[in-house]
PDB file of all heavy atoms in Angstrom:
ATOM      1  N   THR A   1       7.524   3.431 -10.104  1.00  0.00           N
ATOM      2  CA  THR A   1       6.475   4.416  -9.942  1.00  0.00           C
ATOM      3  C   THR A   1       6.646   4.974  -8.599  1.00  0.00           C
ATOM      4  O   THR A   1       6.712   4.192  -7.544  1.00  0.00           O
ATOM      5  CB  THR A   1       5.100   3.726  -9.950  1.00  0.00           C
ATOM      6  OG1 THR A   1       4.848   3.292 -11.360  1.00  0.00           O
ATOM      7  CG2 THR A   1       4.001   4.650  -9.545  1.00  0.00           C
ATOM      8  N   LEU A   2       6.850   6.277  -8.434  1.00  0.00           N
ATOM      9  CA  LEU A   2       7.066   6.829  -7.138  1.00  0.00           C
ATOM     10  C   LEU A   2       5.715   7.560  -6.653  1.00  0.00           C
ATOM     11  O   LEU A   2       5.166   8.322  -7.386  1.00  0.00           O
ATOM     12  CB  LEU A   2       8.097   7.984  -7.147  1.00  0.00           C
ATOM     13  CG  LEU A   2       9.526   7.504  -6.726  1.00  0.00           C
ATOM     14  CD1 LEU A   2      10.066   6.511  -7.748  1.00  0.00           C
ATOM     15  CD2 LEU A   2      10.454   8.815  -6.798  1.00  0.00           C
ATOM     16  N   ARG A   3       5.219   7.083  -5.493  1.00  0.00           N
ATOM     17  CA  ARG A   3       4.098   7.752  -4.881  1.00  0.00           C
ATOM     18  C   ARG A   3       4.593   8.408  -3.573  1.00  0.00           C
ATOM     19  O   ARG A   3       4.975   7.739  -2.578  1.00  0.00           O
ATOM     20  CB  ARG A   3       3.020   6.696  -4.499  1.00  0.00           C
ATOM     21  CG  ARG A   3       1.787   7.235  -3.792  1.00  0.00           C
ATOM     22  CD  ARG A   3       0.975   8.118  -4.665  1.00  0.00           C
ATOM     23  NE  ARG A   3      -0.246   8.621  -3.897  1.00  0.00           N
ATOM     24  CZ  ARG A   3      -1.156   9.340  -4.403  1.00  0.00           C
ATOM     25  NH1 ARG A   3      -1.121   9.735  -5.640  1.00  0.00           N
ATOM     26  NH2 ARG A   3      -2.157   9.697  -3.721  1.00  0.00           N
ATOM     27  N   LEU A   4       4.650   9.787  -3.628  1.00  0.00           N
ATOM     28  CA  LEU A   4       5.308  10.453  -2.549  1.00  0.00           C
ATOM     29  C   LEU A   4       4.239  11.236  -1.731  1.00  0.00           C
ATOM     30  O   LEU A   4       3.065  11.396  -2.074  1.00  0.00           O
ATOM     31  CB  LEU A   4       6.278  11.454  -3.112  1.00  0.00           C
ATOM     32  CG  LEU A   4       7.357  10.861  -4.072  1.00  0.00           C
ATOM     33  CD1 LEU A   4       8.266  11.986  -4.553  1.00  0.00           C
ATOM     34  CD2 LEU A   4       8.169   9.878  -3.262  1.00  0.00           C
ATOM     35  N   ASP A   5       4.656  11.593  -0.558  1.00  0.00           N
ATOM     36  CA  ASP A   5       3.775  12.422   0.414  1.00  0.00           C
ATOM     37  C   ASP A   5       2.427  11.658   0.746  1.00  0.00           C
ATOM     38  O   ASP A   5       1.407  12.263   0.747  1.00  0.00           O
ATOM     39  CB  ASP A   5       3.545  13.751  -0.184  1.00  0.00           C
ATOM     40  CG  ASP A   5       3.047  14.783   0.798  1.00  0.00           C
ATOM     41  OD1 ASP A   5       3.341  14.581   2.008  1.00  0.00           O
ATOM     42  OD2 ASP A   5       2.474  15.791   0.424  1.00  0.00           O
ATOM     43  N   ASP A   6       2.492  10.356   0.866  1.00  0.00           N
ATOM     44  CA  ASP A   6       1.396   9.586   1.029  1.00  0.00           C
ATOM     45  C   ASP A   6       1.719   8.305   1.758  1.00  0.00           C
ATOM     46  O   ASP A   6       2.070   7.243   1.201  1.00  0.00           O
ATOM     47  CB  ASP A   6       0.718   9.229  -0.266  1.00  0.00           C
ATOM     48  CG  ASP A   6      -0.720   8.672  -0.072  1.00  0.00           C
ATOM     49  OD1 ASP A   6      -1.234   8.749   1.105  1.00  0.00           O
ATOM     50  OD2 ASP A   6      -1.216   8.029  -1.005  1.00  0.00           O
ATOM     51  N   ALA A   7       1.878   8.428   3.053  1.00  0.00           N
ATOM     52  CA  ALA A   7       2.434   7.257   3.915  1.00  0.00           C
ATOM     53  C   ALA A   7       1.410   6.051   3.813  1.00  0.00           C
ATOM     54  O   ALA A   7       0.285   6.069   3.770  1.00  0.00           O
ATOM     55  CB  ALA A   7       2.500   7.696   5.367  1.00  0.00           C
ATOM     56  N   VAL A   8       2.142   4.874   3.800  1.00  0.00           N
ATOM     57  CA  VAL A   8       1.350   3.615   3.928  1.00  0.00           C
ATOM     58  C   VAL A   8       0.814   3.509   5.389  1.00  0.00           C
ATOM     59  O   VAL A   8       1.640   3.648   6.336  1.00  0.00           O
ATOM     60  CB  VAL A   8       2.214   2.394   3.603  1.00  0.00           C
ATOM     61  CG1 VAL A   8       1.509   1.080   3.964  1.00  0.00           C
ATOM     62  CG2 VAL A   8       2.602   2.550   2.114  1.00  0.00           C
ATOM     63  N   VAL A   9      -0.429   3.151   5.495  1.00  0.00           N
ATOM     64  CA  VAL A   9      -0.979   3.068   6.950  1.00  0.00           C
ATOM     65  C   VAL A   9      -1.470   1.759   7.243  1.00  0.00           C
ATOM     66  O   VAL A   9      -1.794   1.439   8.390  1.00  0.00           O
ATOM     67  CB  VAL A   9      -2.192   4.128   7.072  1.00  0.00           C
ATOM     68  CG1 VAL A   9      -1.592   5.522   6.924  1.00  0.00           C
ATOM     69  CG2 VAL A   9      -3.278   3.877   6.024  1.00  0.00           C
ATOM     70  N   ALA A  10      -1.590   0.768   6.341  1.00  0.00           N
ATOM     71  CA  ALA A  10      -1.981  -0.504   6.569  1.00  0.00           C
ATOM     72  C   ALA A  10      -1.429  -1.563   5.648  1.00  0.00           C
ATOM     73  O   ALA A  10      -1.285  -1.287   4.463  1.00  0.00           O
ATOM     74  CB  ALA A  10      -3.508  -0.582   6.671  1.00  0.00           C
ATOM     75  N   LEU A  11      -1.108  -2.729   6.154  1.00  0.00           N
ATOM     76  CA  LEU A  11      -0.702  -3.911   5.358  1.00  0.00           C
ATOM     77  C   LEU A  11      -1.666  -5.049   5.600  1.00  0.00           C
ATOM     78  O   LEU A  11      -1.867  -5.441   6.770  1.00  0.00           O
ATOM     79  CB  LEU A  11       0.757  -4.235   5.726  1.00  0.00           C
ATOM     80  CG  LEU A  11       1.215  -5.685   5.347  1.00  0.00           C
ATOM     81  CD1 LEU A  11       1.273  -5.745   3.767  1.00  0.00           C
ATOM     82  CD2 LEU A  11       2.593  -5.967   5.922  1.00  0.00           C
ATOM     83  N   ASP A  12      -2.107  -5.743   4.568  1.00  0.00           N
ATOM     84  CA  ASP A  12      -2.930  -6.898   4.704  1.00  0.00           C
ATOM     85  C   ASP A  12      -2.104  -8.032   3.986  1.00  0.00           C
ATOM     86  O   ASP A  12      -2.184  -8.233   2.790  1.00  0.00           O
ATOM     87  CB  ASP A  12      -4.250  -6.703   4.019  1.00  0.00           C
ATOM     88  CG  ASP A  12      -5.175  -7.908   4.144  1.00  0.00           C
ATOM     89  OD1 ASP A  12      -4.692  -9.003   4.390  1.00  0.00           O
ATOM     90  OD2 ASP A  12      -6.365  -7.786   3.857  1.00  0.00           O
ATOM     91  N   PRO A  13      -1.393  -8.860   4.748  1.00  0.00           N
ATOM     92  CA  PRO A  13      -0.523  -9.825   4.146  1.00  0.00           C
ATOM     93  C   PRO A  13      -1.270 -10.900   3.406  1.00  0.00           C
ATOM     94  O   PRO A  13      -0.846 -11.468   2.376  1.00  0.00           O
ATOM     95  CB  PRO A  13       0.187 -10.473   5.336  1.00  0.00           C
ATOM     96  CG  PRO A  13       0.119  -9.451   6.408  1.00  0.00           C
ATOM     97  CD  PRO A  13      -1.180  -8.743   6.219  1.00  0.00           C
ATOM     98  N   GLU A  14      -2.530 -11.236   3.901  1.00  0.00           N
ATOM     99  CA  GLU A  14      -3.412 -12.265   3.227  1.00  0.00           C
ATOM    100  C   GLU A  14      -3.879 -11.826   1.847  1.00  0.00           C
ATOM    101  O   GLU A  14      -3.762 -12.567   0.838  1.00  0.00           O
ATOM    102  CB  GLU A  14      -4.589 -12.581   4.095  1.00  0.00           C
ATOM    103  CG  GLU A  14      -4.195 -13.375   5.354  1.00  0.00           C
ATOM    104  CD  GLU A  14      -5.405 -13.917   6.052  1.00  0.00           C
ATOM    105  OE1 GLU A  14      -6.581 -13.801   5.524  1.00  0.00           O
ATOM    106  OE2 GLU A  14      -5.219 -14.441   7.179  1.00  0.00           O
ATOM    107  N   ALA A  15      -4.255 -10.550   1.719  1.00  0.00           N
ATOM    108  CA  ALA A  15      -4.627  -9.933   0.425  1.00  0.00           C
ATOM    109  C   ALA A  15      -3.590  -9.458  -0.348  1.00  0.00           C
ATOM    110  O   ALA A  15      -3.659  -9.242  -1.497  1.00  0.00           O
ATOM    111  CB  ALA A  15      -5.628  -8.760   0.659  1.00  0.00           C
ATOM    112  N   ARG A  16      -2.269  -9.473   0.297  1.00  0.00           N
ATOM    113  CA  ARG A  16      -1.096  -8.960  -0.345  1.00  0.00           C
ATOM    114  C   ARG A  16      -1.294  -7.605  -0.854  1.00  0.00           C
ATOM    115  O   ARG A  16      -1.116  -7.135  -2.042  1.00  0.00           O
ATOM    116  CB  ARG A  16      -0.692  -9.914  -1.421  1.00  0.00           C
ATOM    117  CG  ARG A  16      -0.431 -11.361  -1.019  1.00  0.00           C
ATOM    118  CD  ARG A  16      -0.032 -12.237  -2.180  1.00  0.00           C
ATOM    119  NE  ARG A  16       1.343 -12.152  -2.585  1.00  0.00           N
ATOM    120  CZ  ARG A  16       2.337 -12.926  -2.022  1.00  0.00           C
ATOM    121  NH1 ARG A  16       2.072 -13.780  -1.082  1.00  0.00           N
ATOM    122  NH2 ARG A  16       3.537 -12.728  -2.570  1.00  0.00           N
ATOM    123  N   GLU A  17      -1.763  -6.705   0.019  1.00  0.00           N
ATOM    124  CA  GLU A  17      -2.037  -5.298  -0.340  1.00  0.00           C
ATOM    125  C   GLU A  17      -1.676  -4.383   0.789  1.00  0.00           C
ATOM    126  O   GLU A  17      -1.681  -4.759   1.981  1.00  0.00           O
ATOM    127  CB  GLU A  17      -3.576  -5.105  -0.589  1.00  0.00           C
ATOM    128  CG  GLU A  17      -4.177  -5.785  -1.728  1.00  0.00           C
ATOM    129  CD  GLU A  17      -5.593  -5.656  -1.865  1.00  0.00           C
ATOM    130  OE1 GLU A  17      -6.354  -5.161  -0.862  1.00  0.00           O
ATOM    131  OE2 GLU A  17      -6.177  -6.020  -2.908  1.00  0.00           O
ATOM    132  N   VAL A  18      -1.322  -3.157   0.418  1.00  0.00           N
ATOM    133  CA  VAL A  18      -1.090  -2.039   1.382  1.00  0.00           C
ATOM    134  C   VAL A  18      -2.016  -0.889   0.989  1.00  0.00           C
ATOM    135  O   VAL A  18      -2.422  -0.717  -0.177  1.00  0.00           O
ATOM    136  CB  VAL A  18       0.377  -1.601   1.397  1.00  0.00           C
ATOM    137  CG1 VAL A  18       1.270  -2.629   1.905  1.00  0.00           C
ATOM    138  CG2 VAL A  18       0.801  -1.049   0.046  1.00  0.00           C
ATOM    139  N   ARG A  19      -2.332  -0.095   2.038  1.00  0.00           N
ATOM    140  CA  ARG A  19      -3.269   1.025   1.858  1.00  0.00           C
ATOM    141  C   ARG A  19      -2.491   2.246   2.365  1.00  0.00           C
ATOM    142  O   ARG A  19      -1.872   2.283   3.398  1.00  0.00           O
ATOM    143  CB  ARG A  19      -4.638   0.813   2.626  1.00  0.00           C
ATOM    144  CG  ARG A  19      -5.527   2.056   2.449  1.00  0.00           C
ATOM    145  CD  ARG A  19      -6.965   1.649   2.988  1.00  0.00           C
ATOM    146  NE  ARG A  19      -6.808   1.119   4.365  1.00  0.00           N
ATOM    147  CZ  ARG A  19      -6.828   1.766   5.475  1.00  0.00           C
ATOM    148  NH1 ARG A  19      -6.752   3.043   5.471  1.00  0.00           N
ATOM    149  NH2 ARG A  19      -6.718   1.080   6.547  1.00  0.00           N
ATOM    150  N   THR A  20      -2.662   3.429   1.608  1.00  0.00           N
ATOM    151  CA  THR A  20      -2.020   4.609   2.050  1.00  0.00           C
ATOM    152  C   THR A  20      -2.955   5.499   2.773  1.00  0.00           C
ATOM    153  O   THR A  20      -4.128   5.283   2.785  1.00  0.00           O
ATOM    154  CB  THR A  20      -1.419   5.278   0.738  1.00  0.00           C
ATOM    155  OG1 THR A  20      -2.496   5.896   0.031  1.00  0.00           O
ATOM    156  CG2 THR A  20      -0.611   4.432  -0.090  1.00  0.00           C
ATOM    157  N   ARG A  21      -2.424   6.555   3.216  1.00  0.00           N
ATOM    158  CA  ARG A  21      -3.154   7.574   4.036  1.00  0.00           C
ATOM    159  C   ARG A  21      -4.340   8.142   3.215  1.00  0.00           C
ATOM    160  O   ARG A  21      -5.474   8.464   3.755  1.00  0.00           O
ATOM    161  CB  ARG A  21      -2.306   8.745   4.451  1.00  0.00           C
ATOM    162  CG  ARG A  21      -2.940   9.924   5.081  1.00  0.00           C
ATOM    163  CD  ARG A  21      -1.945  10.903   5.588  1.00  0.00           C
ATOM    164  NE  ARG A  21      -0.987  11.299   4.523  1.00  0.00           N
ATOM    165  CZ  ARG A  21      -1.215  12.091   3.519  1.00  0.00           C
ATOM    166  NH1 ARG A  21      -2.427  12.712   3.447  1.00  0.00           N
ATOM    167  NH2 ARG A  21      -0.295  12.325   2.608  1.00  0.00           N
ATOM    168  N   THR A  22      -4.187   8.350   1.866  1.00  0.00           N
ATOM    169  CA  THR A  22      -5.237   8.937   1.031  1.00  0.00           C
ATOM    170  C   THR A  22      -6.165   7.912   0.447  1.00  0.00           C
ATOM    171  O   THR A  22      -7.025   8.179  -0.318  1.00  0.00           O
ATOM    172  CB  THR A  22      -4.554   9.635  -0.170  1.00  0.00           C
ATOM    173  OG1 THR A  22      -3.804   8.707  -0.953  1.00  0.00           O
ATOM    174  CG2 THR A  22      -3.666  10.732   0.363  1.00  0.00           C
ATOM    175  N   GLY A  23      -6.057   6.607   0.903  1.00  0.00           N
ATOM    176  CA  GLY A  23      -6.954   5.598   0.510  1.00  0.00           C
ATOM    177  C   GLY A  23      -6.517   4.750  -0.722  1.00  0.00           C
ATOM    178  O   GLY A  23      -7.251   3.905  -1.101  1.00  0.00           O
ATOM    179  N   GLU A  24      -5.311   5.087  -1.345  1.00  0.00           N
ATOM    180  CA  GLU A  24      -4.840   4.285  -2.428  1.00  0.00           C
ATOM    181  C   GLU A  24      -4.514   2.882  -1.935  1.00  0.00           C
ATOM    182  O   GLU A  24      -3.920   2.690  -0.878  1.00  0.00           O
ATOM    183  CB  GLU A  24      -3.652   5.002  -3.063  1.00  0.00           C
ATOM    184  CG  GLU A  24      -3.960   6.267  -3.686  1.00  0.00           C
ATOM    185  CD  GLU A  24      -4.838   6.196  -4.909  1.00  0.00           C
ATOM    186  OE1 GLU A  24      -4.750   5.160  -5.584  1.00  0.00           O
ATOM    187  OE2 GLU A  24      -5.560   7.156  -5.259  1.00  0.00           O
ATOM    188  N   VAL A  25      -4.703   1.918  -2.775  1.00  0.00           N
ATOM    189  CA  VAL A  25      -4.465   0.523  -2.376  1.00  0.00           C
ATOM    190  C   VAL A  25      -3.523   0.017  -3.457  1.00  0.00           C
ATOM    191  O   VAL A  25      -3.691   0.157  -4.728  1.00  0.00           O
ATOM    192  CB  VAL A  25      -5.697  -0.314  -2.383  1.00  0.00           C
ATOM    193  CG1 VAL A  25      -5.351  -1.878  -2.094  1.00  0.00           C
ATOM    194  CG2 VAL A  25      -6.709   0.229  -1.412  1.00  0.00           C
ATOM    195  N   TYR A  26      -2.423  -0.740  -3.071  1.00  0.00           N
ATOM    196  CA  TYR A  26      -1.454  -1.321  -3.938  1.00  0.00           C
ATOM    197  C   TYR A  26      -1.255  -2.733  -3.636  1.00  0.00           C
ATOM    198  O   TYR A  26      -1.021  -3.192  -2.516  1.00  0.00           O
ATOM    199  CB  TYR A  26      -0.105  -0.502  -3.687  1.00  0.00           C
ATOM    200  CG  TYR A  26      -0.054   0.878  -4.099  1.00  0.00           C
ATOM    201  CD1 TYR A  26      -0.529   1.825  -3.244  1.00  0.00           C
ATOM    202  CD2 TYR A  26       0.354   1.309  -5.326  1.00  0.00           C
ATOM    203  CE1 TYR A  26      -0.610   3.126  -3.665  1.00  0.00           C
ATOM    204  CE2 TYR A  26       0.325   2.581  -5.741  1.00  0.00           C
ATOM    205  CZ  TYR A  26      -0.110   3.510  -4.914  1.00  0.00           C
ATOM    206  OH  TYR A  26      -0.188   4.906  -5.196  1.00  0.00           O
ATOM    207  N   GLY A  27      -1.516  -3.650  -4.645  1.00  0.00           N
ATOM    208  CA  GLY A  27      -1.195  -5.005  -4.442  1.00  0.00           C
ATOM    209  C   GLY A  27       0.221  -5.324  -4.764  1.00  0.00           C
ATOM    210  O   GLY A  27       0.867  -4.537  -5.575  1.00  0.00           O
ATOM    211  N   TYR A  28       0.744  -6.371  -4.181  1.00  0.00           N
ATOM    212  CA  TYR A  28       2.205  -6.749  -4.443  1.00  0.00           C
ATOM    213  C   TYR A  28       2.453  -8.263  -4.672  1.00  0.00           C
ATOM    214  O   TYR A  28       1.698  -9.019  -4.090  1.00  0.00           O
ATOM    215  CB  TYR A  28       2.993  -6.148  -3.300  1.00  0.00           C
ATOM    216  CG  TYR A  28       2.768  -6.928  -1.910  1.00  0.00           C
ATOM    217  CD1 TYR A  28       3.342  -8.124  -1.608  1.00  0.00           C
ATOM    218  CD2 TYR A  28       1.834  -6.337  -1.076  1.00  0.00           C
ATOM    219  CE1 TYR A  28       3.131  -8.768  -0.373  1.00  0.00           C
ATOM    220  CE2 TYR A  28       1.549  -6.934   0.155  1.00  0.00           C
ATOM    221  CZ  TYR A  28       2.265  -8.185   0.494  1.00  0.00           C
ATOM    222  OH  TYR A  28       1.936  -8.773   1.732  1.00  0.00           O
ATOM    223  N   GLY A  29       3.432  -8.476  -5.364  1.00  0.00           N
ATOM    224  CA  GLY A  29       3.983  -9.821  -5.378  1.00  0.00           C
ATOM    225  C   GLY A  29       4.922 -10.116  -4.174  1.00  0.00           C
ATOM    226  O   GLY A  29       4.927 -11.048  -3.517  1.00  0.00           O
ATOM    227  N   LYS A  30       5.837  -9.061  -4.093  1.00  0.00           N
ATOM    228  CA  LYS A  30       6.769  -9.128  -2.944  1.00  0.00           C
ATOM    229  C   LYS A  30       6.874  -7.662  -2.415  1.00  0.00           C
ATOM    230  O   LYS A  30       6.736  -6.682  -3.079  1.00  0.00           O
ATOM    231  CB  LYS A  30       8.103  -9.599  -3.321  1.00  0.00           C
ATOM    232  CG  LYS A  30       8.116 -11.094  -3.766  1.00  0.00           C
ATOM    233  CD  LYS A  30       9.462 -11.618  -4.050  1.00  0.00           C
ATOM    234  CE  LYS A  30       9.479 -13.073  -4.389  1.00  0.00           C
ATOM    235  NZ  LYS A  30      10.798 -13.562  -4.770  1.00  0.00           N
ATOM    236  N   LEU A  31       7.084  -7.611  -1.040  1.00  0.00           N
ATOM    237  CA  LEU A  31       7.104  -6.291  -0.388  1.00  0.00           C
ATOM    238  C   LEU A  31       8.378  -6.106   0.344  1.00  0.00           C
ATOM    239  O   LEU A  31       8.765  -7.028   0.962  1.00  0.00           O
ATOM    240  CB  LEU A  31       5.862  -6.246   0.548  1.00  0.00           C
ATOM    241  CG  LEU A  31       5.667  -4.964   1.350  1.00  0.00           C
ATOM    242  CD1 LEU A  31       5.047  -3.877   0.588  1.00  0.00           C
ATOM    243  CD2 LEU A  31       4.758  -5.224   2.626  1.00  0.00           C
TER     244      LEU A  31
END
């Protein structure tokens, strides 16, 4: 899945999530 033109602006290692400039949140197993 390609999410383009939307930079990641924050990483929460405890929650295993990243947040993009537009407010989208992505959880991960590995990053």
